[in-house]
Amino acid sequence: MRIGDMIEWRGLKGHSMHADEVVTFRGVIVGSAIHKWDHEKILVWQVLDNTGQRVGLREDEPTLKLLSSLLADEQLENVVGGMSAERFSHWRAEKLNEDR
């Protein structure tokens, strides 16, 4: 998976400790970060979900499923908060060059 991919996963509805309804979320990967947990490194996807929230989602989440790979630039531009074309081009170039 990579930035721009549409994904789906299951999780608890709401943010309280008493949330018990499991629902399906969908979102678009808009970034990533590597975090350390107990001597291991885990990739955490930054996802803009279908509720409008930006959430972190571990790559090893068992319910994580790829729906479609790489949105078109026009679609991704809308997902990244309706940036101006110039800001979006700069953001896109940074993301594409991250792995190089």
N, C-alpha and C. Protein backbone atom coordinates (compact mmCIF):
# COMPACT_ATOMS: atom_id res chain seq x y z
N MET A 1 0.84 -1.18 0.00
CA MET A 1 0.00 0.00 0.00
C MET A 1 0.89 1.24 0.00
N ARG A 2 0.30 2.35 -0.49
CA ARG A 2 1.05 3.60 -0.56
C ARG A 2 0.10 4.80 -0.55
N ILE A 3 0.67 5.97 -0.44
CA ILE A 3 -0.12 7.19 -0.40
C ILE A 3 -1.00 7.28 -1.65
N GLY A 4 -2.26 7.61 -1.43
CA GLY A 4 -3.22 7.72 -2.51
C GLY A 4 -4.13 6.51 -2.62
N ASP A 5 -3.77 5.41 -1.94
CA ASP A 5 -4.60 4.20 -1.99
C ASP A 5 -5.86 4.37 -1.15
N MET A 6 -6.96 3.82 -1.66
CA MET A 6 -8.23 3.78 -0.92
C MET A 6 -8.24 2.46 -0.14
N ILE A 7 -8.51 2.54 1.17
CA ILE A 7 -8.49 1.34 2.00
C ILE A 7 -9.76 1.22 2.82
N GLU A 8 -9.93 0.05 3.42
CA GLU A 8 -11.08 -0.22 4.27
C GLU A 8 -10.58 -1.01 5.48
N TRP A 9 -11.18 -0.77 6.65
CA TRP A 9 -10.85 -1.53 7.85
C TRP A 9 -12.04 -1.49 8.80
N ARG A 10 -12.03 -2.36 9.78
CA ARG A 10 -13.10 -2.40 10.77
C ARG A 10 -12.57 -1.88 12.10
N GLY A 11 -13.42 -1.16 12.81
CA GLY A 11 -13.03 -0.62 14.11
C GLY A 11 -14.24 -0.25 14.93
N LEU A 12 -13.98 0.23 16.13
CA LEU A 12 -15.06 0.62 17.03
C LEU A 12 -15.59 2.00 16.66
N LYS A 13 -16.91 2.13 16.65
CA LYS A 13 -17.54 3.41 16.37
C LYS A 13 -17.41 4.30 17.59
N GLY A 14 -17.01 5.54 17.38
CA GLY A 14 -16.89 6.49 18.46
C GLY A 14 -15.50 6.45 19.08
N HIS A 15 -15.26 7.39 19.96
CA HIS A 15 -13.93 7.51 20.56
C HIS A 15 -13.96 7.26 22.07
N SER A 16 -15.09 6.85 22.61
CA SER A 16 -15.14 6.62 24.05
C SER A 16 -14.71 5.20 24.39
N MET A 17 -14.38 4.99 25.63
CA MET A 17 -13.98 3.65 26.08
C MET A 17 -15.16 2.70 26.06
N HIS A 18 -16.38 3.23 25.97
CA HIS A 18 -17.57 2.40 26.01
C HIS A 18 -18.10 2.09 24.61
N ALA A 19 -17.37 2.50 23.58
CA ALA A 19 -17.80 2.22 22.21
C ALA A 19 -17.72 0.71 21.99
N ASP A 20 -18.81 0.12 21.56
CA ASP A 20 -18.79 -1.32 21.36
C ASP A 20 -19.35 -1.75 20.01
N GLU A 21 -19.76 -0.82 19.20
CA GLU A 21 -20.30 -1.15 17.88
C GLU A 21 -19.16 -1.18 16.87
N VAL A 22 -18.95 -2.34 16.25
CA VAL A 22 -17.90 -2.47 15.25
C VAL A 22 -18.47 -2.05 13.90
N VAL A 23 -17.77 -1.12 13.24
CA VAL A 23 -18.23 -0.61 11.95
C VAL A 23 -17.08 -0.68 10.94
N THR A 24 -17.43 -0.57 9.68
CA THR A 24 -16.43 -0.55 8.61
C THR A 24 -16.13 0.90 8.24
N PHE A 25 -14.85 1.23 8.21
CA PHE A 25 -14.40 2.55 7.81
C PHE A 25 -13.73 2.45 6.45
N ARG A 26 -13.78 3.53 5.70
CA ARG A 26 -13.04 3.65 4.45
C ARG A 26 -12.26 4.95 4.50
N GLY A 27 -11.15 4.97 3.80
CA GLY A 27 -10.36 6.19 3.78
C GLY A 27 -9.28 6.14 2.72
N VAL A 28 -8.54 7.25 2.64
CA VAL A 28 -7.45 7.39 1.68
C VAL A 28 -6.17 7.64 2.46
N ILE A 29 -5.13 6.90 2.10
CA ILE A 29 -3.83 7.09 2.76
C ILE A 29 -3.25 8.42 2.28
N VAL A 30 -2.95 9.31 3.24
CA VAL A 30 -2.41 10.63 2.90
C VAL A 30 -1.00 10.85 3.45
N GLY A 31 -0.48 9.87 4.17
CA GLY A 31 0.87 9.98 4.71
C GLY A 31 1.25 8.72 5.46
N SER A 32 2.48 8.70 5.97
CA SER A 32 2.93 7.55 6.74
C SER A 32 4.04 7.98 7.69
N ALA A 33 4.26 7.16 8.71
CA ALA A 33 5.33 7.39 9.68
C ALA A 33 5.74 6.04 10.25
N ILE A 34 6.99 5.94 10.64
CA ILE A 34 7.46 4.72 11.28
C ILE A 34 7.58 5.00 12.78
N HIS A 35 6.98 4.12 13.58
CA HIS A 35 7.00 4.23 15.03
C HIS A 35 7.66 3.00 15.62
N LYS A 36 8.27 3.14 16.78
CA LYS A 36 8.89 2.02 17.48
C LYS A 36 7.99 1.56 18.62
N TRP A 37 7.74 0.26 18.68
CA TRP A 37 7.00 -0.37 19.76
C TRP A 37 7.78 -1.59 20.21
N ASP A 38 8.17 -1.62 21.45
CA ASP A 38 8.84 -2.79 22.02
C ASP A 38 9.90 -3.38 21.10
N HIS A 39 10.85 -2.59 20.71
CA HIS A 39 12.00 -3.02 19.90
C HIS A 39 11.64 -3.42 18.47
N GLU A 40 10.49 -3.04 17.99
CA GLU A 40 10.15 -3.28 16.59
C GLU A 40 9.66 -1.98 15.96
N LYS A 41 9.87 -1.88 14.67
CA LYS A 41 9.41 -0.70 13.93
C LYS A 41 8.12 -1.05 13.20
N ILE A 42 7.14 -0.19 13.33
CA ILE A 42 5.83 -0.39 12.70
C ILE A 42 5.51 0.80 11.82
N LEU A 43 5.06 0.53 10.60
CA LEU A 43 4.61 1.59 9.71
C LEU A 43 3.18 1.94 10.08
N VAL A 44 2.92 3.22 10.29
CA VAL A 44 1.58 3.70 10.61
C VAL A 44 1.13 4.60 9.47
N TRP A 45 0.05 4.20 8.82
CA TRP A 45 -0.51 5.01 7.74
C TRP A 45 -1.31 6.15 8.33
N GLN A 46 -1.17 7.35 7.78
CA GLN A 46 -2.03 8.48 8.12
C GLN A 46 -3.16 8.45 7.11
N VAL A 47 -4.39 8.32 7.60
CA VAL A 47 -5.55 8.09 6.74
C VAL A 47 -6.60 9.15 6.99
N LEU A 48 -7.15 9.70 5.92
CA LEU A 48 -8.32 10.56 6.01
C LEU A 48 -9.53 9.65 5.81
N ASP A 49 -10.29 9.44 6.89
CA ASP A 49 -11.37 8.46 6.80
C ASP A 49 -12.69 9.07 6.36
N ASN A 50 -13.68 8.20 6.18
CA ASN A 50 -14.97 8.63 5.65
C ASN A 50 -15.79 9.45 6.64
N THR A 51 -15.28 9.65 7.85
CA THR A 51 -15.97 10.54 8.80
C THR A 51 -15.34 11.92 8.81
N GLY A 52 -14.28 12.10 8.01
CA GLY A 52 -13.58 13.38 7.96
C GLY A 52 -12.44 13.50 8.94
N GLN A 53 -12.19 12.44 9.70
CA GLN A 53 -11.12 12.44 10.68
C GLN A 53 -9.82 11.95 10.05
N ARG A 54 -8.70 12.49 10.52
CA ARG A 54 -7.38 11.97 10.12
C ARG A 54 -6.94 11.03 11.23
N VAL A 55 -6.71 9.77 10.88
CA VAL A 55 -6.39 8.76 11.88
C VAL A 55 -5.10 8.04 11.50
N GLY A 56 -4.46 7.46 12.50
CA GLY A 56 -3.30 6.61 12.28
C GLY A 56 -3.75 5.16 12.28
N LEU A 57 -3.25 4.39 11.34
CA LEU A 57 -3.65 2.99 11.20
C LEU A 57 -2.42 2.14 10.96
N ARG A 58 -2.15 1.20 11.87
CA ARG A 58 -0.97 0.34 11.72
C ARG A 58 -1.08 -0.52 10.46
N GLU A 59 0.06 -0.71 9.79
CA GLU A 59 0.05 -1.52 8.57
C GLU A 59 -0.31 -2.97 8.83
N ASP A 60 -0.12 -3.44 10.07
CA ASP A 60 -0.43 -4.83 10.40
C ASP A 60 -1.84 -5.02 10.95
N GLU A 61 -2.69 -4.00 10.80
CA GLU A 61 -4.09 -4.10 11.22
C GLU A 61 -4.73 -5.28 10.47
N PRO A 62 -5.24 -6.29 11.20
CA PRO A 62 -5.73 -7.50 10.53
C PRO A 62 -6.93 -7.30 9.60
N THR A 63 -7.72 -6.25 9.82
CA THR A 63 -8.90 -6.05 8.97
C THR A 63 -8.63 -5.10 7.80
N LEU A 64 -7.39 -4.62 7.68
CA LEU A 64 -7.03 -3.66 6.63
C LEU A 64 -7.11 -4.32 5.25
N LYS A 65 -7.79 -3.63 4.33
CA LYS A 65 -7.97 -4.17 2.97
C LYS A 65 -7.82 -3.05 1.96
N LEU A 66 -7.06 -3.32 0.89
CA LEU A 66 -6.89 -2.36 -0.20
C LEU A 66 -8.13 -2.39 -1.09
N LEU A 67 -8.73 -1.22 -1.33
CA LEU A 67 -9.90 -1.13 -2.21
C LEU A 67 -9.51 -0.73 -3.62
N SER A 68 -8.69 0.30 -3.74
CA SER A 68 -8.22 0.72 -5.06
C SER A 68 -6.89 1.42 -4.88
N SER A 69 -6.06 1.24 -5.87
CA SER A 69 -4.71 1.78 -5.78
C SER A 69 -4.59 3.09 -6.51
N LEU A 70 -3.94 4.02 -5.87
CA LEU A 70 -3.60 5.33 -6.41
C LEU A 70 -4.75 6.08 -7.08
N LEU A 71 -5.25 7.03 -6.36
CA LEU A 71 -6.26 7.91 -6.92
C LEU A 71 -5.61 8.80 -7.98
N ALA A 72 -6.41 9.26 -8.89
CA ALA A 72 -5.93 10.23 -9.87
C ALA A 72 -5.57 11.52 -9.14
N ASP A 73 -4.68 12.32 -9.72
CA ASP A 73 -4.27 13.57 -9.08
C ASP A 73 -5.46 14.44 -8.71
N GLU A 74 -6.47 14.52 -9.57
CA GLU A 74 -7.62 15.36 -9.29
C GLU A 74 -8.37 14.86 -8.06
N GLN A 75 -8.49 13.53 -7.91
CA GLN A 75 -9.17 12.97 -6.76
C GLN A 75 -8.36 13.20 -5.49
N LEU A 76 -7.06 12.97 -5.55
CA LEU A 76 -6.19 13.14 -4.39
C LEU A 76 -6.16 14.59 -3.96
N GLU A 77 -6.20 15.51 -4.91
CA GLU A 77 -6.19 16.94 -4.58
C GLU A 77 -7.38 17.28 -3.69
N ASN A 78 -8.53 16.72 -3.98
CA ASN A 78 -9.72 16.98 -3.17
C ASN A 78 -9.59 16.37 -1.78
N VAL A 79 -8.95 15.21 -1.69
CA VAL A 79 -8.79 14.53 -0.41
C VAL A 79 -7.85 15.29 0.52
N VAL A 80 -6.83 15.90 -0.03
CA VAL A 80 -5.83 16.59 0.78
C VAL A 80 -6.31 18.00 1.13
N GLY A 81 -7.57 18.15 1.34
CA GLY A 81 -8.12 19.38 1.89
C GLY A 81 -8.36 20.49 0.89
N GLY A 82 -8.51 20.16 -0.38
CA GLY A 82 -8.79 21.19 -1.37
C GLY A 82 -7.67 22.21 -1.49
N MET A 83 -6.43 21.75 -1.43
CA MET A 83 -5.28 22.65 -1.57
C MET A 83 -5.32 23.36 -2.90
N SER A 84 -4.64 24.50 -2.96
CA SER A 84 -4.50 25.17 -4.25
C SER A 84 -3.66 24.27 -5.15
N ALA A 85 -3.75 24.47 -6.44
CA ALA A 85 -3.01 23.63 -7.39
C ALA A 85 -1.50 23.71 -7.12
N GLU A 86 -1.02 24.89 -6.79
CA GLU A 86 0.42 25.06 -6.53
C GLU A 86 0.85 24.31 -5.27
N ARG A 87 0.09 24.44 -4.18
CA ARG A 87 0.41 23.73 -2.94
C ARG A 87 0.31 22.23 -3.14
N PHE A 88 -0.72 21.80 -3.88
CA PHE A 88 -0.88 20.37 -4.13
C PHE A 88 0.30 19.83 -4.93
N SER A 89 0.73 20.54 -5.95
CA SER A 89 1.87 20.10 -6.76
C SER A 89 3.12 19.96 -5.90
N HIS A 90 3.34 20.91 -5.01
CA HIS A 90 4.49 20.86 -4.11
C HIS A 90 4.37 19.66 -3.16
N TRP A 91 3.18 19.47 -2.56
CA TRP A 91 2.92 18.35 -1.65
C TRP A 91 3.13 17.02 -2.37
N ARG A 92 2.58 16.91 -3.58
CA ARG A 92 2.68 15.68 -4.36
C ARG A 92 4.14 15.36 -4.67
N ALA A 93 4.92 16.35 -5.09
CA ALA A 93 6.34 16.14 -5.39
C ALA A 93 7.09 15.64 -4.16
N GLU A 94 6.81 16.23 -3.00
CA GLU A 94 7.44 15.78 -1.76
C GLU A 94 7.12 14.32 -1.47
N LYS A 95 5.85 13.96 -1.61
CA LYS A 95 5.43 12.58 -1.31
C LYS A 95 6.04 11.59 -2.29
N LEU A 96 6.09 11.96 -3.55
CA LEU A 96 6.66 11.05 -4.55
C LEU A 96 8.16 10.87 -4.36
N ASN A 97 8.83 11.87 -3.82
CA ASN A 97 10.29 11.81 -3.63
C ASN A 97 10.70 11.32 -2.26
N GLU A 98 9.75 11.04 -1.37
CA GLU A 98 10.07 10.59 -0.02
C GLU A 98 10.90 9.33 0.00
N ASP A 99 10.58 8.38 -0.84
CA ASP A 99 11.23 7.07 -0.83
C ASP A 99 12.52 7.02 -1.62
N ARG A 100 12.91 8.11 -2.21
CA ARG A 100 14.13 8.10 -3.04
C ARG A 100 15.34 8.47 -2.25
